[in-house]
Amino acid sequence: MKKISKTEAKKEIKEFFLDIKNKTSREIKKIKRLAMKHNISLKEKRKLFCKKCLTLYKNPKIRIKNKIKSVTCRECGYVARWRIK
């Protein structure tokens, strides 16, 4: 495995999320590990995939109640909750 700098890692992550629609959970896991290794925050991009099984949210179940958005993964059933401003 080759060593890359933090700026190269940021560029690679940016390119990855441009075409995220046809990515596998294995590819998402690799890019997430790259971000963690270089201490790069994914910010809003982390809401595009499930935290537990790392699959892309294709058709998630979304509920909004008391300013909290709940997104249920169709693959593993994990419920991610985010506060809405």
N, C-alpha and C. Protein backbone atom coordinates (compact mmCIF):
# COMPACT_ATOMS: atom_id res chain seq x y z
N MET A 1 0.84 -1.19 0.00
CA MET A 1 0.00 0.00 0.00
C MET A 1 0.88 1.24 0.00
N LYS A 2 0.60 2.14 -0.94
CA LYS A 2 1.41 3.35 -1.04
C LYS A 2 0.97 4.40 -0.03
N LYS A 3 1.93 5.22 0.41
CA LYS A 3 1.60 6.31 1.33
C LYS A 3 1.17 7.52 0.54
N ILE A 4 0.09 8.16 0.99
CA ILE A 4 -0.37 9.39 0.33
C ILE A 4 -0.51 10.48 1.37
N SER A 5 -0.41 11.72 0.91
CA SER A 5 -0.50 12.85 1.82
C SER A 5 -1.96 13.16 2.14
N LYS A 6 -2.17 14.04 3.10
CA LYS A 6 -3.52 14.40 3.52
C LYS A 6 -4.29 15.10 2.40
N THR A 7 -3.59 15.96 1.63
CA THR A 7 -4.27 16.66 0.53
C THR A 7 -4.67 15.69 -0.57
N GLU A 8 -3.82 14.71 -0.85
CA GLU A 8 -4.16 13.68 -1.84
C GLU A 8 -5.34 12.84 -1.36
N ALA A 9 -5.38 12.56 -0.06
CA ALA A 9 -6.48 11.78 0.52
C ALA A 9 -7.79 12.57 0.40
N LYS A 10 -7.74 13.88 0.68
CA LYS A 10 -8.94 14.72 0.56
C LYS A 10 -9.46 14.71 -0.88
N LYS A 11 -8.53 14.80 -1.83
CA LYS A 11 -8.89 14.79 -3.25
C LYS A 11 -9.54 13.47 -3.64
N GLU A 12 -8.97 12.37 -3.15
CA GLU A 12 -9.49 11.03 -3.43
C GLU A 12 -10.90 10.86 -2.86
N ILE A 13 -11.12 11.36 -1.63
CA ILE A 13 -12.43 11.27 -0.98
C ILE A 13 -13.45 12.10 -1.75
N LYS A 14 -13.05 13.29 -2.18
CA LYS A 14 -13.95 14.17 -2.94
C LYS A 14 -14.38 13.50 -4.24
N GLU A 15 -13.43 12.90 -4.95
CA GLU A 15 -13.74 12.20 -6.20
C GLU A 15 -14.64 11.00 -5.96
N PHE A 16 -14.43 10.30 -4.85
CA PHE A 16 -15.23 9.13 -4.51
C PHE A 16 -16.70 9.49 -4.35
N PHE A 17 -16.97 10.59 -3.64
CA PHE A 17 -18.35 10.97 -3.36
C PHE A 17 -19.06 11.63 -4.54
N LEU A 18 -18.33 11.97 -5.61
CA LEU A 18 -18.98 12.50 -6.81
C LEU A 18 -19.79 11.41 -7.51
N ASP A 19 -19.30 10.17 -7.44
CA ASP A 19 -19.96 9.04 -8.11
C ASP A 19 -20.28 7.94 -7.11
N ILE A 20 -20.99 8.30 -6.03
CA ILE A 20 -21.25 7.33 -4.95
C ILE A 20 -22.39 6.37 -5.27
N LYS A 21 -23.23 6.68 -6.24
CA LYS A 21 -24.42 5.87 -6.52
C LYS A 21 -24.10 4.41 -6.87
N ASN A 22 -22.95 4.16 -7.51
CA ASN A 22 -22.62 2.77 -7.85
C ASN A 22 -21.36 2.31 -7.12
N LYS A 23 -21.37 2.47 -5.78
CA LYS A 23 -20.26 2.01 -4.95
C LYS A 23 -20.75 0.90 -4.03
N THR A 24 -19.84 -0.04 -3.72
CA THR A 24 -20.18 -1.15 -2.83
C THR A 24 -19.82 -0.78 -1.39
N SER A 25 -20.29 -1.60 -0.47
CA SER A 25 -20.00 -1.36 0.95
C SER A 25 -18.50 -1.52 1.23
N ARG A 26 -17.84 -2.37 0.48
CA ARG A 26 -16.39 -2.57 0.64
C ARG A 26 -15.62 -1.30 0.25
N GLU A 27 -16.05 -0.65 -0.83
CA GLU A 27 -15.41 0.60 -1.28
C GLU A 27 -15.68 1.73 -0.28
N ILE A 28 -16.89 1.77 0.26
CA ILE A 28 -17.24 2.78 1.26
C ILE A 28 -16.40 2.58 2.52
N LYS A 29 -16.19 1.32 2.90
CA LYS A 29 -15.36 1.02 4.08
C LYS A 29 -13.92 1.49 3.87
N LYS A 30 -13.38 1.28 2.68
CA LYS A 30 -12.02 1.70 2.37
C LYS A 30 -11.87 3.22 2.45
N ILE A 31 -12.83 3.95 1.88
CA ILE A 31 -12.73 5.41 1.87
C ILE A 31 -12.95 5.97 3.27
N LYS A 32 -13.79 5.32 4.07
CA LYS A 32 -14.01 5.75 5.44
C LYS A 32 -12.75 5.56 6.27
N ARG A 33 -12.07 4.44 6.07
CA ARG A 33 -10.81 4.18 6.78
C ARG A 33 -9.72 5.16 6.37
N LEU A 34 -9.70 5.52 5.08
CA LEU A 34 -8.73 6.50 4.60
C LEU A 34 -8.97 7.86 5.28
N ALA A 35 -10.24 8.24 5.41
CA ALA A 35 -10.58 9.51 6.07
C ALA A 35 -10.19 9.47 7.55
N MET A 36 -10.42 8.34 8.21
CA MET A 36 -10.06 8.22 9.62
C MET A 36 -8.55 8.24 9.82
N LYS A 37 -7.83 7.61 8.91
CA LYS A 37 -6.37 7.55 8.99
C LYS A 37 -5.75 8.94 8.91
N HIS A 38 -6.30 9.79 8.04
CA HIS A 38 -5.77 11.14 7.84
C HIS A 38 -6.54 12.20 8.65
N ASN A 39 -7.43 11.77 9.52
CA ASN A 39 -8.23 12.66 10.38
C ASN A 39 -9.02 13.68 9.55
N ILE A 40 -9.72 13.18 8.53
CA ILE A 40 -10.54 14.02 7.67
C ILE A 40 -12.00 13.78 8.00
N SER A 41 -12.73 14.86 8.27
CA SER A 41 -14.15 14.76 8.60
C SER A 41 -14.98 14.60 7.33
N LEU A 42 -15.93 13.66 7.34
CA LEU A 42 -16.80 13.45 6.18
C LEU A 42 -18.01 14.37 6.21
N LYS A 43 -18.31 14.97 7.37
CA LYS A 43 -19.41 15.92 7.58
C LYS A 43 -20.73 15.37 7.06
N GLU A 44 -21.37 16.05 6.12
CA GLU A 44 -22.69 15.64 5.64
C GLU A 44 -22.64 14.38 4.77
N LYS A 45 -21.49 14.04 4.25
CA LYS A 45 -21.36 12.86 3.39
C LYS A 45 -21.59 11.57 4.14
N ARG A 46 -21.37 11.57 5.46
CA ARG A 46 -21.55 10.34 6.24
C ARG A 46 -23.01 9.94 6.35
N LYS A 47 -23.91 10.87 6.03
CA LYS A 47 -25.34 10.56 6.09
C LYS A 47 -25.84 9.86 4.82
N LEU A 48 -24.96 9.64 3.86
CA LEU A 48 -25.35 8.99 2.61
C LEU A 48 -25.33 7.47 2.71
N PHE A 49 -24.67 6.93 3.74
CA PHE A 49 -24.57 5.47 3.89
C PHE A 49 -24.84 5.07 5.33
N CYS A 50 -25.20 3.80 5.51
CA CYS A 50 -25.51 3.25 6.83
C CYS A 50 -24.24 3.13 7.66
N LYS A 51 -24.34 3.51 8.92
CA LYS A 51 -23.20 3.46 9.84
C LYS A 51 -22.82 2.02 10.19
N LYS A 52 -23.82 1.15 10.21
CA LYS A 52 -23.60 -0.23 10.67
C LYS A 52 -23.11 -1.17 9.56
N CYS A 53 -23.85 -1.22 8.44
CA CYS A 53 -23.49 -2.18 7.38
C CYS A 53 -22.77 -1.51 6.21
N LEU A 54 -22.62 -0.18 6.24
CA LEU A 54 -21.91 0.61 5.23
C LEU A 54 -22.47 0.48 3.82
N THR A 55 -23.77 0.15 3.70
CA THR A 55 -24.39 0.14 2.38
C THR A 55 -25.00 1.51 2.11
N LEU A 56 -25.11 1.84 0.85
CA LEU A 56 -25.68 3.12 0.44
C LEU A 56 -27.19 3.10 0.70
N TYR A 57 -27.73 4.21 1.23
CA TYR A 57 -29.18 4.29 1.43
C TYR A 57 -29.86 4.38 0.07
N LYS A 58 -30.44 3.27 -0.40
CA LYS A 58 -31.11 3.26 -1.69
C LYS A 58 -32.55 3.76 -1.55
N ASN A 59 -33.30 3.14 -0.64
CA ASN A 59 -34.70 3.51 -0.42
C ASN A 59 -34.98 3.43 1.08
N PRO A 60 -34.43 4.35 1.87
CA PRO A 60 -34.57 4.24 3.32
C PRO A 60 -35.95 4.68 3.81
N LYS A 61 -36.32 4.19 4.98
CA LYS A 61 -37.55 4.62 5.62
C LYS A 61 -37.20 5.86 6.45
N ILE A 62 -37.84 6.99 6.14
CA ILE A 62 -37.52 8.25 6.81
C ILE A 62 -38.72 8.74 7.61
N ARG A 63 -38.46 9.07 8.88
CA ARG A 63 -39.50 9.64 9.74
C ARG A 63 -38.95 10.91 10.37
N ILE A 64 -39.82 11.90 10.55
CA ILE A 64 -39.43 13.13 11.23
C ILE A 64 -40.41 13.36 12.37
N LYS A 65 -39.87 13.47 13.60
CA LYS A 65 -40.70 13.66 14.78
C LYS A 65 -39.92 14.46 15.80
N ASN A 66 -40.50 15.52 16.32
CA ASN A 66 -39.88 16.37 17.34
C ASN A 66 -38.48 16.85 16.95
N LYS A 67 -38.34 17.35 15.74
CA LYS A 67 -37.07 17.87 15.21
C LYS A 67 -35.96 16.83 15.15
N ILE A 68 -36.33 15.55 15.08
CA ILE A 68 -35.36 14.47 14.94
C ILE A 68 -35.73 13.65 13.70
N LYS A 69 -34.76 13.51 12.78
CA LYS A 69 -34.97 12.74 11.56
C LYS A 69 -34.45 11.33 11.79
N SER A 70 -35.30 10.32 11.61
CA SER A 70 -34.91 8.93 11.76
C SER A 70 -34.86 8.26 10.40
N VAL A 71 -33.73 7.69 10.06
CA VAL A 71 -33.54 7.00 8.79
C VAL A 71 -33.26 5.53 9.08
N THR A 72 -34.13 4.65 8.60
CA THR A 72 -33.99 3.21 8.82
C THR A 72 -33.40 2.55 7.59
N CYS A 73 -32.33 1.81 7.77
CA CYS A 73 -31.66 1.10 6.68
C CYS A 73 -32.50 -0.11 6.28
N ARG A 74 -32.69 -0.28 4.98
CA ARG A 74 -33.48 -1.42 4.48
C ARG A 74 -32.68 -2.73 4.54
N GLU A 75 -31.36 -2.64 4.56
CA GLU A 75 -30.52 -3.84 4.58
C GLU A 75 -30.45 -4.48 5.96
N CYS A 76 -30.05 -3.67 6.98
CA CYS A 76 -29.80 -4.25 8.30
C CYS A 76 -30.82 -3.80 9.36
N GLY A 77 -31.64 -2.81 9.06
CA GLY A 77 -32.64 -2.35 10.01
C GLY A 77 -32.14 -1.34 11.02
N TYR A 78 -30.89 -0.89 10.87
CA TYR A 78 -30.32 0.10 11.80
C TYR A 78 -31.02 1.44 11.65
N VAL A 79 -31.33 2.08 12.78
CA VAL A 79 -31.99 3.39 12.75
C VAL A 79 -30.98 4.46 13.12
N ALA A 80 -30.73 5.35 12.17
CA ALA A 80 -29.84 6.49 12.41
C ALA A 80 -30.71 7.70 12.71
N ARG A 81 -30.37 8.43 13.77
CA ARG A 81 -31.17 9.61 14.15
C ARG A 81 -30.30 10.85 14.11
N TRP A 82 -30.82 11.90 13.45
CA TRP A 82 -30.10 13.17 13.37
C TRP A 82 -31.03 14.30 13.76
N ARG A 83 -30.50 15.26 14.50
CA ARG A 83 -31.26 16.43 14.91
C ARG A 83 -31.38 17.39 13.72
N ILE A 84 -32.59 17.91 13.51
CA ILE A 84 -32.83 18.87 12.43
C ILE A 84 -32.80 20.26 13.03
N LYS A 85 -32.08 21.16 12.38
CA LYS A 85 -32.01 22.54 12.89
C LYS A 85 -33.18 23.36 12.40
